[in-house]
Amino acid sequence: MSGIAPRGRGTRDNRVMPWSTSELAALAGTTVNAIRHYHRVGLLDQPERRSNGYKSYGATHLLRLLQIRRLREIGVPLDRIEEVASSERPQEPLRAIDAELDIEIKRLKQMRADIGAILDGGFSAWLPVEFKDVADRLSSAEKAALLLSTRLYDDRALADMRQMLLDEAGRSDEAAQEFDALPPDAGEDVRGRLAQRFAPELALVFSRYPWLTDPSGHMSVPRGAAQAALAETMSTLYNPAQRDVMARAIELARAEGGANAQA
């Protein structure tokens, strides 16, 4: 390796008192564990040992550690330190690292922007910031279902979901409140009435966003896995009566949509 910290085993330094591992760590501004790790990954050569078996580090080890630390300070990953350190003109690997750092900086800026929006809006930190305008109107079950949706669907589908929720903004829906409070043993008449109440709005949503009836083209995970996750989650979030109302409303909405298409 070129530079001020040449590598090579069997280093002999003309000093009376060699450095121990802890002394070397203190001089280099690092830790004993870091030195041991650099040995394991092959970045730092093993030193000679004294007659008592203790390691005996020399100036080449110190300079190598300072080199490693400097490269780490400018963002060079451990697995690319040797490539950068051993090159007389490390422009290419540094350009690649710079591009990676640029991506990371953008990611961190987005994280800070999201945290700022959450602090300003006071909504649940685990919800996507894109839904901040509607988050306060969602029930706990709806928030959880939305969280799952961010994993199952692509950005286009999520944008449509946000628009659906915005379209409902300002509505005072007694039926929705009744649905949220629906007991598991709700009677047939109540479930049928709620399904009839939700069906027309659901049919309108299906007509505006046809992919909802067949979301295969907007899924971020395999359809079978997505359906299983949705079924299990709905079973956890909603009681049997609520799930029955949803199933009936969807069936009625699809039938209404088919009748309108034929008319």
C-alpha atoms as a PDB file:
ATOM      1  CA  MET A   1       0.000   0.000   0.000  1.00  0.00           C
ATOM      2  CA  SER A   2       1.349   3.439  -0.906  1.00  0.00           C
ATOM      3  CA  GLY A   3       1.333   6.465   1.391  1.00  0.00           C
ATOM      4  CA  ILE A   4       2.467   7.102   4.932  1.00  0.00           C
ATOM      5  CA  ALA A   5       1.191   3.855   6.400  1.00  0.00           C
ATOM      6  CA  PRO A   6       2.748   0.946   4.480  1.00  0.00           C
ATOM      7  CA  ARG A   7       1.462  -2.485   5.388  1.00  0.00           C
ATOM      8  CA  GLY A   8       3.532  -5.561   6.024  1.00  0.00           C
ATOM      9  CA  ARG A   9       3.825  -8.231   8.619  1.00  0.00           C
ATOM     10  CA  GLY A  10       6.774  -8.559  10.923  1.00  0.00           C
ATOM     11  CA  THR A  11       7.069  -4.784  11.487  1.00  0.00           C
ATOM     12  CA  ARG A  12      10.104  -3.869  13.614  1.00  0.00           C
ATOM     13  CA  ASP A  13      10.348  -0.388  15.092  1.00  0.00           C
ATOM     14  CA  ASN A  14      13.539   0.887  16.731  1.00  0.00           C
ATOM     15  CA  ARG A  15      11.841   1.759  20.017  1.00  0.00           C
ATOM     16  CA  VAL A  16      12.530   0.512  23.503  1.00  0.00           C
ATOM     17  CA  MET A  17       8.904   0.662  24.660  1.00  0.00           C
ATOM     18  CA  PRO A  18       6.300  -0.641  22.157  1.00  0.00           C
ATOM     19  CA  TRP A  19       2.622   0.273  22.521  1.00  0.00           C
ATOM     20  CA  SER A  20      -0.019  -1.979  23.984  1.00  0.00           C
ATOM     21  CA  THR A  21      -3.449  -2.246  22.371  1.00  0.00           C
ATOM     22  CA  SER A  22      -5.002   0.228  24.806  1.00  0.00           C
ATOM     23  CA  GLU A  23      -2.121   2.671  24.395  1.00  0.00           C
ATOM     24  CA  LEU A  24      -2.404   2.497  20.632  1.00  0.00           C
ATOM     25  CA  ALA A  25      -6.154   3.051  20.837  1.00  0.00           C
ATOM     26  CA  ALA A  26      -5.651   6.153  22.991  1.00  0.00           C
ATOM     27  CA  LEU A  27      -3.035   7.577  20.628  1.00  0.00           C
ATOM     28  CA  ALA A  28      -5.190   6.972  17.541  1.00  0.00           C
ATOM     29  CA  GLY A  29      -8.388   8.263  19.142  1.00  0.00           C
ATOM     30  CA  THR A  30     -10.209   4.991  18.713  1.00  0.00           C
ATOM     31  CA  THR A  31     -11.145   1.982  20.858  1.00  0.00           C
ATOM     32  CA  VAL A  32      -9.646  -1.391  21.607  1.00  0.00           C
ATOM     33  CA  ASN A  33     -12.722  -3.057  20.117  1.00  0.00           C
ATOM     34  CA  ALA A  34     -12.280  -1.066  16.895  1.00  0.00           C
ATOM     35  CA  ILE A  35      -8.658  -2.195  16.631  1.00  0.00           C
ATOM     36  CA  ARG A  36      -9.700  -5.802  17.123  1.00  0.00           C
ATOM     37  CA  HIS A  37     -12.369  -5.403  14.461  1.00  0.00           C
ATOM     38  CA  TYR A  38      -9.855  -3.945  11.994  1.00  0.00           C
ATOM     39  CA  HIS A  39      -7.667  -6.998  12.615  1.00  0.00           C
ATOM     40  CA  ARG A  40     -10.609  -9.339  11.931  1.00  0.00           C
ATOM     41  CA  VAL A  41     -11.557  -7.687   8.637  1.00  0.00           C
ATOM     42  CA  GLY A  42      -7.948  -7.482   7.471  1.00  0.00           C
ATOM     43  CA  LEU A  43      -7.514  -3.702   7.528  1.00  0.00           C
ATOM     44  CA  LEU A  44      -4.838  -3.710  10.215  1.00  0.00           C
ATOM     45  CA  ASP A  45      -1.952  -6.177  10.306  1.00  0.00           C
ATOM     46  CA  GLN A  46      -1.352  -8.191  13.444  1.00  0.00           C
ATOM     47  CA  PRO A  47       1.662  -6.899  15.438  1.00  0.00           C
ATOM     48  CA  GLU A  48       4.546  -8.852  16.821  1.00  0.00           C
ATOM     49  CA  ARG A  49       4.277 -10.058  20.390  1.00  0.00           C
ATOM     50  CA  ARG A  50       6.581  -9.439  23.274  1.00  0.00           C
ATOM     51  CA  SER A  51       8.223 -12.214  25.227  1.00  0.00           C
ATOM     52  CA  ASN A  52       5.315 -12.164  27.670  1.00  0.00           C
ATOM     53  CA  GLY A  53       2.828 -12.721  24.830  1.00  0.00           C
ATOM     54  CA  TYR A  54       1.360  -9.214  24.785  1.00  0.00           C
ATOM     55  CA  LYS A  55       0.943  -7.434  21.466  1.00  0.00           C
ATOM     56  CA  SER A  56       3.592  -4.905  20.522  1.00  0.00           C
ATOM     57  CA  TYR A  57       2.349  -2.169  18.189  1.00  0.00           C
ATOM     58  CA  GLY A  58       4.605   0.208  16.282  1.00  0.00           C
ATOM     59  CA  ALA A  59       4.408   3.473  14.380  1.00  0.00           C
ATOM     60  CA  THR A  60       3.181   1.784  11.195  1.00  0.00           C
ATOM     61  CA  HIS A  61       0.128   0.529  13.102  1.00  0.00           C
ATOM     62  CA  LEU A  62      -0.550   3.999  14.501  1.00  0.00           C
ATOM     63  CA  LEU A  63      -0.274   5.613  11.085  1.00  0.00           C
ATOM     64  CA  ARG A  64      -2.502   2.957   9.560  1.00  0.00           C
ATOM     65  CA  LEU A  65      -5.134   3.554  12.249  1.00  0.00           C
ATOM     66  CA  LEU A  66      -5.006   7.298  11.672  1.00  0.00           C
ATOM     67  CA  GLN A  67      -5.418   6.638   7.964  1.00  0.00           C
ATOM     68  CA  ILE A  68      -8.449   4.412   8.575  1.00  0.00           C
ATOM     69  CA  ARG A  69      -9.988   6.951  10.934  1.00  0.00           C
ATOM     70  CA  ARG A  70      -9.537   9.791   8.446  1.00  0.00           C
ATOM     71  CA  LEU A  71     -11.137   7.816   5.647  1.00  0.00           C
ATOM     72  CA  ARG A  72     -14.020   6.875   7.914  1.00  0.00           C
ATOM     73  CA  GLU A  73     -14.487  10.569   8.776  1.00  0.00           C
ATOM     74  CA  ILE A  74     -15.108  11.407   5.127  1.00  0.00           C
ATOM     75  CA  GLY A  75     -17.578   8.560   4.774  1.00  0.00           C
ATOM     76  CA  VAL A  76     -15.531   5.774   3.233  1.00  0.00           C
ATOM     77  CA  PRO A  77     -17.091   2.418   4.217  1.00  0.00           C
ATOM     78  CA  LEU A  78     -14.842  -0.142   5.858  1.00  0.00           C
ATOM     79  CA  ASP A  79     -15.088  -2.499   2.907  1.00  0.00           C
ATOM     80  CA  ARG A  80     -13.719   0.210   0.566  1.00  0.00           C
ATOM     81  CA  ILE A  81     -10.971   1.653   2.735  1.00  0.00           C
ATOM     82  CA  GLU A  82      -8.252  -0.557   1.244  1.00  0.00           C
ATOM     83  CA  GLU A  83      -9.349   0.362  -2.280  1.00  0.00           C
ATOM     84  CA  VAL A  84      -9.182   4.098  -1.533  1.00  0.00           C
ATOM     85  CA  ALA A  85      -6.065   3.973   0.639  1.00  0.00           C
ATOM     86  CA  SER A  86      -4.023   1.913  -1.808  1.00  0.00           C
ATOM     87  CA  SER A  87      -4.780   4.059  -4.850  1.00  0.00           C
ATOM     88  CA  GLU A  88      -2.564   6.939  -5.918  1.00  0.00           C
ATOM     89  CA  ARG A  89      -5.583   8.570  -7.574  1.00  0.00           C
ATOM     90  CA  PRO A  90      -8.732   7.351  -5.840  1.00  0.00           C
ATOM     91  CA  GLN A  91     -11.096   9.578  -7.819  1.00  0.00           C
ATOM     92  CA  GLU A  92     -13.326   6.793  -9.133  1.00  0.00           C
ATOM     93  CA  PRO A  93     -14.060   5.056  -5.820  1.00  0.00           C
ATOM     94  CA  LEU A  94     -14.477   8.457  -4.144  1.00  0.00           C
ATOM     95  CA  ARG A  95     -16.938   9.583  -6.802  1.00  0.00           C
ATOM     96  CA  ALA A  96     -18.980   6.439  -6.185  1.00  0.00           C
ATOM     97  CA  ILE A  97     -18.887   7.035  -2.428  1.00  0.00           C
ATOM     98  CA  ASP A  98     -19.830  10.685  -2.963  1.00  0.00           C
ATOM     99  CA  ALA A  99     -22.885   9.602  -4.964  1.00  0.00           C
ATOM    100  CA  GLU A 100     -23.887   7.217  -2.190  1.00  0.00           C
ATOM    101  CA  LEU A 101     -23.473   9.992   0.378  1.00  0.00           C
ATOM    102  CA  ASP A 102     -25.646  12.275  -1.729  1.00  0.00           C
ATOM    103  CA  ILE A 103     -28.424   9.691  -1.653  1.00  0.00           C
ATOM    104  CA  GLU A 104     -28.012   9.315   2.097  1.00  0.00           C
ATOM    105  CA  ILE A 105     -28.125  13.089   2.613  1.00  0.00           C
ATOM    106  CA  LYS A 106     -31.369  13.310   0.651  1.00  0.00           C
ATOM    107  CA  ARG A 107     -32.793  10.450   2.725  1.00  0.00           C
ATOM    108  CA  LEU A 108     -31.839  12.195   5.963  1.00  0.00           C
ATOM    109  CA  LYS A 109     -33.328  15.490   4.758  1.00  0.00           C
ATOM    110  CA  GLN A 110     -36.576  13.708   3.961  1.00  0.00           C
ATOM    111  CA  MET A 111     -36.548  12.109   7.398  1.00  0.00           C
ATOM    112  CA  ARG A 112     -36.131  15.524   9.020  1.00  0.00           C
ATOM    113  CA  ALA A 113     -38.920  16.972   6.872  1.00  0.00           C
ATOM    114  CA  ASP A 114     -41.226  14.121   7.881  1.00  0.00           C
ATOM    115  CA  ILE A 115     -40.404  14.581  11.564  1.00  0.00           C
ATOM    116  CA  GLY A 116     -41.020  18.315  11.232  1.00  0.00           C
ATOM    117  CA  ALA A 117     -44.413  17.697   9.640  1.00  0.00           C
ATOM    118  CA  ILE A 118     -45.314  15.239  12.401  1.00  0.00           C
ATOM    119  CA  LEU A 119     -44.275  17.711  15.113  1.00  0.00           C
ATOM    120  CA  ASP A 120     -46.252  20.509  13.473  1.00  0.00           C
ATOM    121  CA  GLY A 121     -49.321  18.400  12.774  1.00  0.00           C
ATOM    122  CA  GLY A 122     -49.374  16.297  15.900  1.00  0.00           C
ATOM    123  CA  PHE A 123     -50.464  13.118  14.104  1.00  0.00           C
ATOM    124  CA  SER A 124     -49.257   9.560  14.571  1.00  0.00           C
ATOM    125  CA  ALA A 125     -45.549   9.252  13.809  1.00  0.00           C
ATOM    126  CA  TRP A 126     -45.981   5.875  12.140  1.00  0.00           C
ATOM    127  CA  LEU A 127     -48.425   7.136   9.497  1.00  0.00           C
ATOM    128  CA  PRO A 128     -47.098   8.354   6.127  1.00  0.00           C
ATOM    129  CA  VAL A 129     -46.680  12.122   6.185  1.00  0.00           C
ATOM    130  CA  GLU A 130     -48.639  12.338   2.914  1.00  0.00           C
ATOM    131  CA  PHE A 131     -51.776  11.529   4.942  1.00  0.00           C
ATOM    132  CA  LYS A 132     -51.275  14.284   7.533  1.00  0.00           C
ATOM    133  CA  ASP A 133     -54.294  16.238   6.272  1.00  0.00           C
ATOM    134  CA  VAL A 134     -56.702  13.384   6.964  1.00  0.00           C
ATOM    135  CA  ALA A 135     -55.041  11.503   9.824  1.00  0.00           C
ATOM    136  CA  ASP A 136     -57.050  13.178  12.588  1.00  0.00           C
ATOM    137  CA  ARG A 137     -60.320  11.920  11.078  1.00  0.00           C
ATOM    138  CA  LEU A 138     -59.310   8.269  10.936  1.00  0.00           C
ATOM    139  CA  SER A 139     -60.223   5.687  13.524  1.00  0.00           C
ATOM    140  CA  SER A 140     -57.462   3.612  15.104  1.00  0.00           C
ATOM    141  CA  ALA A 141     -58.483   0.671  12.912  1.00  0.00           C
ATOM    142  CA  GLU A 142     -58.387   2.822   9.762  1.00  0.00           C
ATOM    143  CA  LYS A 143     -54.928   4.119  10.681  1.00  0.00           C
ATOM    144  CA  ALA A 144     -53.661   0.580  11.142  1.00  0.00           C
ATOM    145  CA  ALA A 145     -55.182  -0.517   7.819  1.00  0.00           C
ATOM    146  CA  LEU A 146     -53.582   2.497   6.151  1.00  0.00           C
ATOM    147  CA  LEU A 147     -50.221   1.573   7.605  1.00  0.00           C
ATOM    148  CA  LEU A 148     -50.534  -1.896   6.072  1.00  0.00           C
ATOM    149  CA  SER A 149     -51.546  -0.357   2.756  1.00  0.00           C
ATOM    150  CA  THR A 150     -48.268   1.564   2.571  1.00  0.00           C
ATOM    151  CA  ARG A 151     -46.517  -1.793   2.380  1.00  0.00           C
ATOM    152  CA  LEU A 152     -48.928  -3.570   0.059  1.00  0.00           C
ATOM    153  CA  TYR A 153     -49.604  -0.927  -2.616  1.00  0.00           C
ATOM    154  CA  ASP A 154     -47.541   1.281  -4.906  1.00  0.00           C
ATOM    155  CA  ASP A 155     -47.310   5.083  -4.812  1.00  0.00           C
ATOM    156  CA  ARG A 156     -50.065   5.580  -7.379  1.00  0.00           C
ATOM    157  CA  ALA A 157     -52.514   3.529  -5.345  1.00  0.00           C
ATOM    158  CA  LEU A 158     -51.583   5.366  -2.150  1.00  0.00           C
ATOM    159  CA  ALA A 159     -52.122   8.711  -3.883  1.00  0.00           C
ATOM    160  CA  ASP A 160     -55.608   7.538  -4.871  1.00  0.00           C
ATOM    161  CA  MET A 161     -56.309   6.437  -1.307  1.00  0.00           C
ATOM    162  CA  ARG A 162     -55.300   9.859  -0.024  1.00  0.00           C
ATOM    163  CA  GLN A 163     -57.627  11.504  -2.524  1.00  0.00           C
ATOM    164  CA  MET A 164     -60.483   9.246  -1.443  1.00  0.00           C
ATOM    165  CA  LEU A 165     -59.987  10.364   2.136  1.00  0.00           C
ATOM    166  CA  LEU A 166     -59.772  14.022   1.105  1.00  0.00           C
ATOM    167  CA  ASP A 167     -63.022  13.671  -0.836  1.00  0.00           C
ATOM    168  CA  GLU A 168     -64.670  12.551   2.387  1.00  0.00           C
ATOM    169  CA  ALA A 169     -63.291  15.511   4.376  1.00  0.00           C
ATOM    170  CA  GLY A 170     -65.891  17.536   6.205  1.00  0.00           C
ATOM    171  CA  ARG A 171     -68.561  14.844   6.098  1.00  0.00           C
ATOM    172  CA  SER A 172     -70.396  14.105   9.318  1.00  0.00           C
ATOM    173  CA  ASP A 173     -71.329  10.520   8.718  1.00  0.00           C
ATOM    174  CA  GLU A 174     -73.511   8.992  11.412  1.00  0.00           C
ATOM    175  CA  ALA A 175     -73.382   5.665   9.595  1.00  0.00           C
ATOM    176  CA  ALA A 176     -69.576   5.582   9.907  1.00  0.00           C
ATOM    177  CA  GLN A 177     -69.833   6.341  13.612  1.00  0.00           C
ATOM    178  CA  GLU A 178     -72.423   3.611  14.021  1.00  0.00           C
ATOM    179  CA  PHE A 179     -70.154   1.197  12.146  1.00  0.00           C
ATOM    180  CA  ASP A 180     -67.213   2.004  14.432  1.00  0.00           C
ATOM    181  CA  ALA A 181     -69.373   1.273  17.478  1.00  0.00           C
ATOM    182  CA  LEU A 182     -71.018  -1.830  15.996  1.00  0.00           C
ATOM    183  CA  PRO A 183     -70.976  -4.722  18.505  1.00  0.00           C
ATOM    184  CA  PRO A 184     -69.922  -8.208  17.387  1.00  0.00           C
ATOM    185  CA  ASP A 185     -73.459  -9.531  17.892  1.00  0.00           C
ATOM    186  CA  ALA A 186     -75.208  -6.765  15.965  1.00  0.00           C
ATOM    187  CA  GLY A 187     -78.514  -7.906  14.503  1.00  0.00           C
ATOM    188  CA  GLU A 188     -79.230  -8.788  10.909  1.00  0.00           C
ATOM    189  CA  ASP A 189     -81.346  -5.661  10.373  1.00  0.00           C
ATOM    190  CA  VAL A 190     -78.599  -3.325  11.570  1.00  0.00           C
ATOM    191  CA  ARG A 191     -75.909  -4.989   9.459  1.00  0.00           C
ATOM    192  CA  GLY A 192     -78.143  -5.004   6.365  1.00  0.00           C
ATOM    193  CA  ARG A 193     -79.079  -1.358   6.828  1.00  0.00           C
ATOM    194  CA  LEU A 194     -75.448  -0.244   7.189  1.00  0.00           C
ATOM    195  CA  ALA A 195     -74.409  -2.248   4.141  1.00  0.00           C
ATOM    196  CA  GLN A 196     -77.169  -0.596   2.120  1.00  0.00           C
ATOM    197  CA  ARG A 197     -76.015   2.795   3.402  1.00  0.00           C
ATOM    198  CA  PHE A 198     -72.374   2.272   2.379  1.00  0.00           C
ATOM    199  CA  ALA A 199     -72.988   0.544  -0.972  1.00  0.00           C
ATOM    200  CA  PRO A 200     -73.790   3.611  -3.170  1.00  0.00           C
ATOM    201  CA  GLU A 201     -70.715   5.543  -2.008  1.00  0.00           C
ATOM    202  CA  LEU A 202     -68.594   2.443  -2.447  1.00  0.00           C
ATOM    203  CA  ALA A 203     -69.943   1.951  -5.981  1.00  0.00           C
ATOM    204  CA  LEU A 204     -68.963   5.538  -6.793  1.00  0.00           C
ATOM    205  CA  VAL A 205     -65.455   4.943  -5.454  1.00  0.00           C
ATOM    206  CA  PHE A 206     -65.145   1.774  -7.541  1.00  0.00           C
ATOM    207  CA  SER A 207     -66.167   3.695 -10.653  1.00  0.00           C
ATOM    208  CA  ARG A 208     -63.582   6.419  -9.995  1.00  0.00           C
ATOM    209  CA  TYR A 209     -60.810   4.007  -9.085  1.00  0.00           C
ATOM    210  CA  PRO A 210     -61.408   0.780 -11.037  1.00  0.00           C
ATOM    211  CA  TRP A 211     -58.152  -0.755  -9.801  1.00  0.00           C
ATOM    212  CA  LEU A 212     -59.764  -1.260  -6.380  1.00  0.00           C
ATOM    213  CA  THR A 213     -61.738  -4.207  -7.739  1.00  0.00           C
ATOM    214  CA  ASP A 214     -58.556  -5.762  -9.136  1.00  0.00           C
ATOM    215  CA  PRO A 215     -55.477  -4.217  -7.451  1.00  0.00           C
ATOM    216  CA  SER A 216     -52.979  -6.681  -8.931  1.00  0.00           C
ATOM    217  CA  GLY A 217     -51.286  -3.991 -11.017  1.00  0.00           C
ATOM    218  CA  HIS A 218     -50.712  -1.755  -8.010  1.00  0.00           C
ATOM    219  CA  MET A 219     -49.344  -4.223  -5.481  1.00  0.00           C
ATOM    220  CA  SER A 220     -45.826  -4.007  -4.113  1.00  0.00           C
ATOM    221  CA  VAL A 221     -45.864  -7.610  -2.881  1.00  0.00           C
ATOM    222  CA  PRO A 222     -47.196 -10.838  -4.444  1.00  0.00           C
ATOM    223  CA  ARG A 223     -50.994 -10.848  -4.612  1.00  0.00           C
ATOM    224  CA  GLY A 224     -51.401 -14.003  -2.539  1.00  0.00           C
ATOM    225  CA  ALA A 225     -49.268 -12.617   0.273  1.00  0.00           C
ATOM    226  CA  ALA A 226     -51.107  -9.295   0.128  1.00  0.00           C
ATOM    227  CA  GLN A 227     -54.528 -10.939   0.308  1.00  0.00           C
ATOM    228  CA  ALA A 228     -53.463 -13.082   3.244  1.00  0.00           C
ATOM    229  CA  ALA A 229     -52.076 -10.053   5.084  1.00  0.00           C
ATOM    230  CA  LEU A 230     -55.245  -8.065   4.431  1.00  0.00           C
ATOM    231  CA  ALA A 231     -57.524 -10.873   5.571  1.00  0.00           C
ATOM    232  CA  GLU A 232     -55.576 -11.460   8.765  1.00  0.00           C
ATOM    233  CA  THR A 233     -55.355  -7.748   9.530  1.00  0.00           C
ATOM    234  CA  MET A 234     -59.049  -7.109   8.907  1.00  0.00           C
ATOM    235  CA  SER A 235     -59.855 -10.038  11.180  1.00  0.00           C
ATOM    236  CA  THR A 236     -57.769  -8.417  13.902  1.00  0.00           C
ATOM    237  CA  LEU A 237     -59.013  -4.834  13.452  1.00  0.00           C
ATOM    238  CA  TYR A 238     -62.730  -5.455  12.937  1.00  0.00           C
ATOM    239  CA  ASN A 239     -65.233  -7.679  14.692  1.00  0.00           C
ATOM    240  CA  PRO A 240     -67.400 -10.246  12.827  1.00  0.00           C
ATOM    241  CA  ALA A 241     -70.363  -7.897  12.438  1.00  0.00           C
ATOM    242  CA  GLN A 242     -68.206  -5.129  10.989  1.00  0.00           C
ATOM    243  CA  ARG A 243     -66.535  -7.532   8.565  1.00  0.00           C
ATOM    244  CA  ASP A 244     -69.953  -8.785   7.495  1.00  0.00           C
ATOM    245  CA  VAL A 245     -71.135  -5.218   6.802  1.00  0.00           C
ATOM    246  CA  MET A 246     -68.030  -4.541   4.705  1.00  0.00           C
ATOM    247  CA  ALA A 247     -68.445  -7.749   2.701  1.00  0.00           C
ATOM    248  CA  ARG A 248     -72.118  -7.030   2.032  1.00  0.00           C
ATOM    249  CA  ALA A 249     -71.459  -3.422   1.057  1.00  0.00           C
ATOM    250  CA  ILE A 250     -68.732  -4.464  -1.390  1.00  0.00           C
ATOM    251  CA  GLU A 251     -71.017  -7.081  -2.955  1.00  0.00           C
ATOM    252  CA  LEU A 252     -73.862  -4.583  -3.312  1.00  0.00           C
ATOM    253  CA  ALA A 253     -71.519  -1.925  -4.724  1.00  0.00           C
ATOM    254  CA  ARG A 254     -70.158  -4.296  -7.341  1.00  0.00           C
ATOM    255  CA  ALA A 255     -73.675  -5.339  -8.320  1.00  0.00           C
ATOM    256  CA  GLU A 256     -74.701  -1.691  -8.570  1.00  0.00           C
ATOM    257  CA  GLY A 257     -71.654  -0.913 -10.667  1.00  0.00           C
ATOM    258  CA  GLY A 258     -72.401  -3.803 -13.015  1.00  0.00           C
ATOM    259  CA  ALA A 259     -76.025  -2.684 -13.395  1.00  0.00           C
ATOM    260  CA  ASN A 260     -74.933   0.864 -14.201  1.00  0.00           C
ATOM    261  CA  ALA A 261     -72.462  -0.406 -16.777  1.00  0.00           C
ATOM    262  CA  GLN A 262     -75.189  -2.367 -18.530  1.00  0.00           C
ATOM    263  CA  ALA A 263     -77.682   0.523 -18.495  1.00  0.00           C
END
